[in-house]
Amino acid sequence: FPTTSVPRTLLDLATRYDRRALLRALAEAEFQHDLRPADVERTLRRGHPGSANLRAALAQHAPGHGEMKSRLERRFRALLIRHGIELPERNQAVGPWTVDCLWRERRVAVELDGRQHERPHQADYDDDRDLWLRRHGWVARRYGKRQIEQRPDDVIADLLDAFAEAAKLGYAAA
């Protein structure tokens, strides 16, 4: 079956969608396919139907605000955006686990702990995941709702420390 890339699909939709619907499609493509604005910009062609509409929608699009699994994820991503930190891949498989936020090239994994992490069995599961990540060369961090809301500067400083730690281990430049 012939397929079309996500950016090309957005360009095709831009010939029919109004701005509001196109902004929703951009946010959804960002979340579902980890699409970056630069990926879309490469498909734009002067005079191509939909290009002007999609270019205008991209100018209004706020990266990092696609649909999220939780309010906590939205708050964390907004914090990253405010501090100019590259956005992670979201809800990615790493070995047998799914990780909330992943900077694959840097080998940094972040888990965001909402209320579901207060359950007794969940703590054991979280400990097992963190151990597995560390044993397989990942720098793992875990942030809770209270930390993100009340101590955002400490969270950012700790995340930057994680990037630096990974760089020292030879994973990527921080």
C-alpha atoms as a PDB file:
ATOM      1  CA  PHE A   1       0.000   0.000   0.000  1.00  0.00           C
ATOM      2  CA  PRO A   2       1.322   3.470  -0.798  1.00  0.00           C
ATOM      3  CA  THR A   3       1.785   5.648   2.270  1.00  0.00           C
ATOM      4  CA  THR A   4       2.298   9.338   2.892  1.00  0.00           C
ATOM      5  CA  SER A   5       4.526  10.949   5.499  1.00  0.00           C
ATOM      6  CA  VAL A   6       2.903  12.764   8.415  1.00  0.00           C
ATOM      7  CA  PRO A   7       4.151  16.210   7.238  1.00  0.00           C
ATOM      8  CA  ARG A   8       2.792  15.544   3.746  1.00  0.00           C
ATOM      9  CA  THR A   9      -0.547  14.437   5.224  1.00  0.00           C
ATOM     10  CA  LEU A  10      -0.714  17.719   7.154  1.00  0.00           C
ATOM     11  CA  LEU A  11      -0.020  19.626   3.943  1.00  0.00           C
ATOM     12  CA  ASP A  12      -2.859  17.754   2.240  1.00  0.00           C
ATOM     13  CA  LEU A  13      -5.181  18.498   5.171  1.00  0.00           C
ATOM     14  CA  ALA A  14      -4.223  22.171   5.001  1.00  0.00           C
ATOM     15  CA  THR A  15      -6.044  22.446   1.683  1.00  0.00           C
ATOM     16  CA  ARG A  16      -9.342  21.610   3.437  1.00  0.00           C
ATOM     17  CA  TYR A  17      -8.968  22.350   7.166  1.00  0.00           C
ATOM     18  CA  ASP A  18      -9.596  25.702   8.780  1.00  0.00           C
ATOM     19  CA  ARG A  19      -6.862  27.103  11.039  1.00  0.00           C
ATOM     20  CA  ARG A  20      -8.330  25.769  14.282  1.00  0.00           C
ATOM     21  CA  ALA A  21      -8.661  22.221  12.966  1.00  0.00           C
ATOM     22  CA  LEU A  22      -5.174  22.404  11.473  1.00  0.00           C
ATOM     23  CA  LEU A  23      -3.711  23.508  14.822  1.00  0.00           C
ATOM     24  CA  ARG A  24      -5.359  20.497  16.484  1.00  0.00           C
ATOM     25  CA  ALA A  25      -3.945  18.232  13.762  1.00  0.00           C
ATOM     26  CA  LEU A  26      -0.446  19.678  14.324  1.00  0.00           C
ATOM     27  CA  ALA A  27      -0.701  19.103  18.078  1.00  0.00           C
ATOM     28  CA  GLU A  28      -1.917  15.541  17.572  1.00  0.00           C
ATOM     29  CA  ALA A  29       0.820  14.794  15.015  1.00  0.00           C
ATOM     30  CA  GLU A  30       3.382  16.185  17.417  1.00  0.00           C
ATOM     31  CA  PHE A  31       2.147  13.923  20.197  1.00  0.00           C
ATOM     32  CA  GLN A  32       1.456  10.732  18.225  1.00  0.00           C
ATOM     33  CA  HIS A  33       4.442  10.907  15.865  1.00  0.00           C
ATOM     34  CA  ASP A  34       6.881  13.151  17.761  1.00  0.00           C
ATOM     35  CA  LEU A  35       6.648  15.548  14.839  1.00  0.00           C
ATOM     36  CA  ARG A  36       8.753  18.709  14.980  1.00  0.00           C
ATOM     37  CA  PRO A  37       7.863  21.977  13.197  1.00  0.00           C
ATOM     38  CA  ALA A  38      11.060  21.680  11.132  1.00  0.00           C
ATOM     39  CA  ASP A  39       9.758  18.376   9.710  1.00  0.00           C
ATOM     40  CA  VAL A  40       6.640  20.141   8.465  1.00  0.00           C
ATOM     41  CA  GLU A  41       8.511  23.191   7.171  1.00  0.00           C
ATOM     42  CA  ARG A  42      10.560  20.951   4.865  1.00  0.00           C
ATOM     43  CA  THR A  43       7.367  19.907   3.045  1.00  0.00           C
ATOM     44  CA  LEU A  44       6.182  23.450   2.352  1.00  0.00           C
ATOM     45  CA  ARG A  45       6.502  24.660  -1.250  1.00  0.00           C
ATOM     46  CA  ARG A  46       5.725  28.130  -2.543  1.00  0.00           C
ATOM     47  CA  GLY A  47       2.513  28.039  -4.523  1.00  0.00           C
ATOM     48  CA  HIS A  48       1.611  24.504  -3.420  1.00  0.00           C
ATOM     49  CA  PRO A  49      -2.033  24.218  -2.317  1.00  0.00           C
ATOM     50  CA  GLY A  50      -2.237  24.301   1.472  1.00  0.00           C
ATOM     51  CA  SER A  51       1.307  25.638   2.017  1.00  0.00           C
ATOM     52  CA  ALA A  52       0.201  29.141   3.022  1.00  0.00           C
ATOM     53  CA  ASN A  53      -2.436  27.800   5.418  1.00  0.00           C
ATOM     54  CA  LEU A  54      -0.018  25.304   6.985  1.00  0.00           C
ATOM     55  CA  ARG A  55       2.758  27.928   7.243  1.00  0.00           C
ATOM     56  CA  ALA A  56       0.347  30.269   9.080  1.00  0.00           C
ATOM     57  CA  ALA A  57      -0.762  27.439  11.403  1.00  0.00           C
ATOM     58  CA  LEU A  58       2.878  26.597  12.164  1.00  0.00           C
ATOM     59  CA  ALA A  59       3.444  30.233  13.144  1.00  0.00           C
ATOM     60  CA  GLN A  60       0.626  29.882  15.714  1.00  0.00           C
ATOM     61  CA  HIS A  61       1.486  26.348  16.825  1.00  0.00           C
ATOM     62  CA  ALA A  62       2.930  26.051  20.347  1.00  0.00           C
ATOM     63  CA  PRO A  63       5.256  23.024  20.353  1.00  0.00           C
ATOM     64  CA  GLY A  64       4.911  20.753  23.332  1.00  0.00           C
ATOM     65  CA  HIS A  65       1.190  21.199  23.809  1.00  0.00           C
ATOM     66  CA  GLY A  66      -0.148  18.138  22.011  1.00  0.00           C
ATOM     67  CA  GLU A  67      -2.423  15.745  23.837  1.00  0.00           C
ATOM     68  CA  MET A  68      -0.796  14.204  26.884  1.00  0.00           C
ATOM     69  CA  LYS A  69      -1.676  11.275  29.081  1.00  0.00           C
ATOM     70  CA  SER A  70      -1.879  13.499  32.147  1.00  0.00           C
ATOM     71  CA  ARG A  71      -1.949  17.036  33.453  1.00  0.00           C
ATOM     72  CA  LEU A  72       1.401  16.311  35.096  1.00  0.00           C
ATOM     73  CA  GLU A  73       2.950  15.582  31.679  1.00  0.00           C
ATOM     74  CA  ARG A  74       1.571  18.897  30.375  1.00  0.00           C
ATOM     75  CA  ARG A  75       3.042  20.780  33.333  1.00  0.00           C
ATOM     76  CA  PHE A  76       6.425  19.124  32.897  1.00  0.00           C
ATOM     77  CA  ARG A  77       6.519  19.872  29.161  1.00  0.00           C
ATOM     78  CA  ALA A  78       5.510  23.486  29.796  1.00  0.00           C
ATOM     79  CA  LEU A  79       8.394  23.696  32.282  1.00  0.00           C
ATOM     80  CA  LEU A  80      10.808  22.339  29.674  1.00  0.00           C
ATOM     81  CA  ILE A  81       9.566  24.833  27.097  1.00  0.00           C
ATOM     82  CA  ARG A  82       9.929  27.756  29.530  1.00  0.00           C
ATOM     83  CA  HIS A  83      13.535  26.777  30.136  1.00  0.00           C
ATOM     84  CA  GLY A  84      14.340  26.126  26.478  1.00  0.00           C
ATOM     85  CA  ILE A  85      15.086  22.436  27.011  1.00  0.00           C
ATOM     86  CA  GLU A  86      14.652  20.128  24.053  1.00  0.00           C
ATOM     87  CA  LEU A  87      11.422  18.175  24.248  1.00  0.00           C
ATOM     88  CA  PRO A  88      11.668  14.450  24.948  1.00  0.00           C
ATOM     89  CA  GLU A  89      10.047  11.539  23.216  1.00  0.00           C
ATOM     90  CA  ARG A  90       6.962  10.623  25.220  1.00  0.00           C
ATOM     91  CA  ASN A  91       5.751   7.256  26.473  1.00  0.00           C
ATOM     92  CA  GLN A  92       8.446   5.260  24.701  1.00  0.00           C
ATOM     93  CA  ALA A  93       9.332   1.606  25.044  1.00  0.00           C
ATOM     94  CA  VAL A  94      12.814   0.973  26.455  1.00  0.00           C
ATOM     95  CA  GLY A  95      13.454  -2.714  26.849  1.00  0.00           C
ATOM     96  CA  PRO A  96      10.484  -4.209  28.715  1.00  0.00           C
ATOM     97  CA  TRP A  97       9.384  -0.808  30.093  1.00  0.00           C
ATOM     98  CA  THR A  98       7.506   2.262  28.912  1.00  0.00           C
ATOM     99  CA  VAL A  99       9.207   5.502  29.931  1.00  0.00           C
ATOM    100  CA  ASP A 100       7.302   8.784  30.326  1.00  0.00           C
ATOM    101  CA  CYS A 101      10.018  11.076  28.918  1.00  0.00           C
ATOM    102  CA  LEU A 102      13.020   9.918  26.970  1.00  0.00           C
ATOM    103  CA  TRP A 103      16.023  11.765  25.622  1.00  0.00           C
ATOM    104  CA  ARG A 104      17.265   8.788  23.635  1.00  0.00           C
ATOM    105  CA  GLU A 105      20.507  10.306  22.282  1.00  0.00           C
ATOM    106  CA  ARG A 106      21.452  11.532  25.761  1.00  0.00           C
ATOM    107  CA  ARG A 107      20.412   8.244  27.399  1.00  0.00           C
ATOM    108  CA  VAL A 108      18.271  10.089  29.970  1.00  0.00           C
ATOM    109  CA  ALA A 109      14.891   8.744  31.078  1.00  0.00           C
ATOM    110  CA  VAL A 110      12.424  10.632  33.278  1.00  0.00           C
ATOM    111  CA  GLU A 111       9.388   9.215  35.038  1.00  0.00           C
ATOM    112  CA  LEU A 112       6.627  11.520  36.219  1.00  0.00           C
ATOM    113  CA  ASP A 113       4.926  10.293  39.350  1.00  0.00           C
ATOM    114  CA  GLY A 114       1.277  11.137  39.785  1.00  0.00           C
ATOM    115  CA  ARG A 115      -1.087   9.675  42.359  1.00  0.00           C
ATOM    116  CA  GLN A 116      -0.990   6.197  40.808  1.00  0.00           C
ATOM    117  CA  HIS A 117       2.582   5.917  42.127  1.00  0.00           C
ATOM    118  CA  GLU A 118       1.307   6.051  45.722  1.00  0.00           C
ATOM    119  CA  ARG A 119       0.046   2.464  45.518  1.00  0.00           C
ATOM    120  CA  PRO A 120       2.311  -0.011  47.367  1.00  0.00           C
ATOM    121  CA  HIS A 121       2.873  -2.374  44.420  1.00  0.00           C
ATOM    122  CA  GLN A 122       3.617   0.586  42.137  1.00  0.00           C
ATOM    123  CA  ALA A 123       6.675   1.564  44.187  1.00  0.00           C
ATOM    124  CA  ASP A 124       8.174  -1.909  43.640  1.00  0.00           C
ATOM    125  CA  TYR A 125       7.411  -1.706  39.920  1.00  0.00           C
ATOM    126  CA  ASP A 126       9.019   1.771  39.741  1.00  0.00           C
ATOM    127  CA  ASP A 127      12.102   0.544  41.617  1.00  0.00           C
ATOM    128  CA  ASP A 128      12.455  -2.384  39.210  1.00  0.00           C
ATOM    129  CA  ARG A 129      12.186  -0.074  36.182  1.00  0.00           C
ATOM    130  CA  ASP A 130      14.754   2.372  37.593  1.00  0.00           C
ATOM    131  CA  LEU A 131      17.164  -0.451  38.362  1.00  0.00           C
ATOM    132  CA  TRP A 132      16.756  -1.921  34.867  1.00  0.00           C
ATOM    133  CA  LEU A 133      17.326   1.484  33.258  1.00  0.00           C
ATOM    134  CA  ARG A 134      20.491   2.149  35.267  1.00  0.00           C
ATOM    135  CA  ARG A 135      21.832  -1.369  34.630  1.00  0.00           C
ATOM    136  CA  HIS A 136      21.339  -0.818  30.898  1.00  0.00           C
ATOM    137  CA  GLY A 137      23.181   2.492  30.719  1.00  0.00           C
ATOM    138  CA  TRP A 138      20.393   5.017  31.219  1.00  0.00           C
ATOM    139  CA  VAL A 139      20.506   7.978  33.589  1.00  0.00           C
ATOM    140  CA  ALA A 140      17.110   7.749  35.294  1.00  0.00           C
ATOM    141  CA  ARG A 141      15.253  10.504  37.117  1.00  0.00           C
ATOM    142  CA  ARG A 142      11.842  10.579  38.781  1.00  0.00           C
ATOM    143  CA  TYR A 143       9.813  13.726  39.535  1.00  0.00           C
ATOM    144  CA  GLY A 144       6.545  14.002  41.423  1.00  0.00           C
ATOM    145  CA  LYS A 145       3.664  16.422  41.067  1.00  0.00           C
ATOM    146  CA  ARG A 146       4.650  18.432  44.145  1.00  0.00           C
ATOM    147  CA  GLN A 147       8.219  18.839  42.895  1.00  0.00           C
ATOM    148  CA  ILE A 148       7.127  20.014  39.455  1.00  0.00           C
ATOM    149  CA  GLU A 149       4.574  22.445  40.886  1.00  0.00           C
ATOM    150  CA  GLN A 150       6.434  23.754  43.939  1.00  0.00           C
ATOM    151  CA  ARG A 151      10.117  23.292  43.087  1.00  0.00           C
ATOM    152  CA  PRO A 152      10.348  23.679  39.300  1.00  0.00           C
ATOM    153  CA  ASP A 153      13.814  25.274  39.391  1.00  0.00           C
ATOM    154  CA  ASP A 154      15.168  22.309  41.364  1.00  0.00           C
ATOM    155  CA  VAL A 155      13.602  19.906  38.847  1.00  0.00           C
ATOM    156  CA  ILE A 156      15.255  21.724  35.947  1.00  0.00           C
ATOM    157  CA  ALA A 157      18.611  21.851  37.742  1.00  0.00           C
ATOM    158  CA  ASP A 158      18.387  18.111  38.451  1.00  0.00           C
ATOM    159  CA  LEU A 159      17.468  17.342  34.837  1.00  0.00           C
ATOM    160  CA  LEU A 160      20.436  19.380  33.615  1.00  0.00           C
ATOM    161  CA  ASP A 161      22.596  17.428  36.073  1.00  0.00           C
ATOM    162  CA  ALA A 162      21.254  14.209  34.516  1.00  0.00           C
ATOM    163  CA  PHE A 163      22.262  15.448  31.057  1.00  0.00           C
ATOM    164  CA  ALA A 164      25.739  16.296  32.402  1.00  0.00           C
ATOM    165  CA  GLU A 165      26.032  12.886  34.091  1.00  0.00           C
ATOM    166  CA  ALA A 166      25.105  11.151  30.839  1.00  0.00           C
ATOM    167  CA  ALA A 167      27.666  13.258  28.961  1.00  0.00           C
ATOM    168  CA  LYS A 168      30.376  12.241  31.469  1.00  0.00           C
ATOM    169  CA  LEU A 169      29.471   8.628  30.780  1.00  0.00           C
ATOM    170  CA  GLY A 170      30.054   9.356  27.109  1.00  0.00           C
ATOM    171  CA  TYR A 171      26.457   9.274  25.919  1.00  0.00           C
ATOM    172  CA  ALA A 172      26.049  12.809  24.551  1.00  0.00           C
ATOM    173  CA  ALA A 173      27.275  16.366  24.995  1.00  0.00           C
ATOM    174  CA  ALA A 174      25.213  18.266  27.554  1.00  0.00           C
END
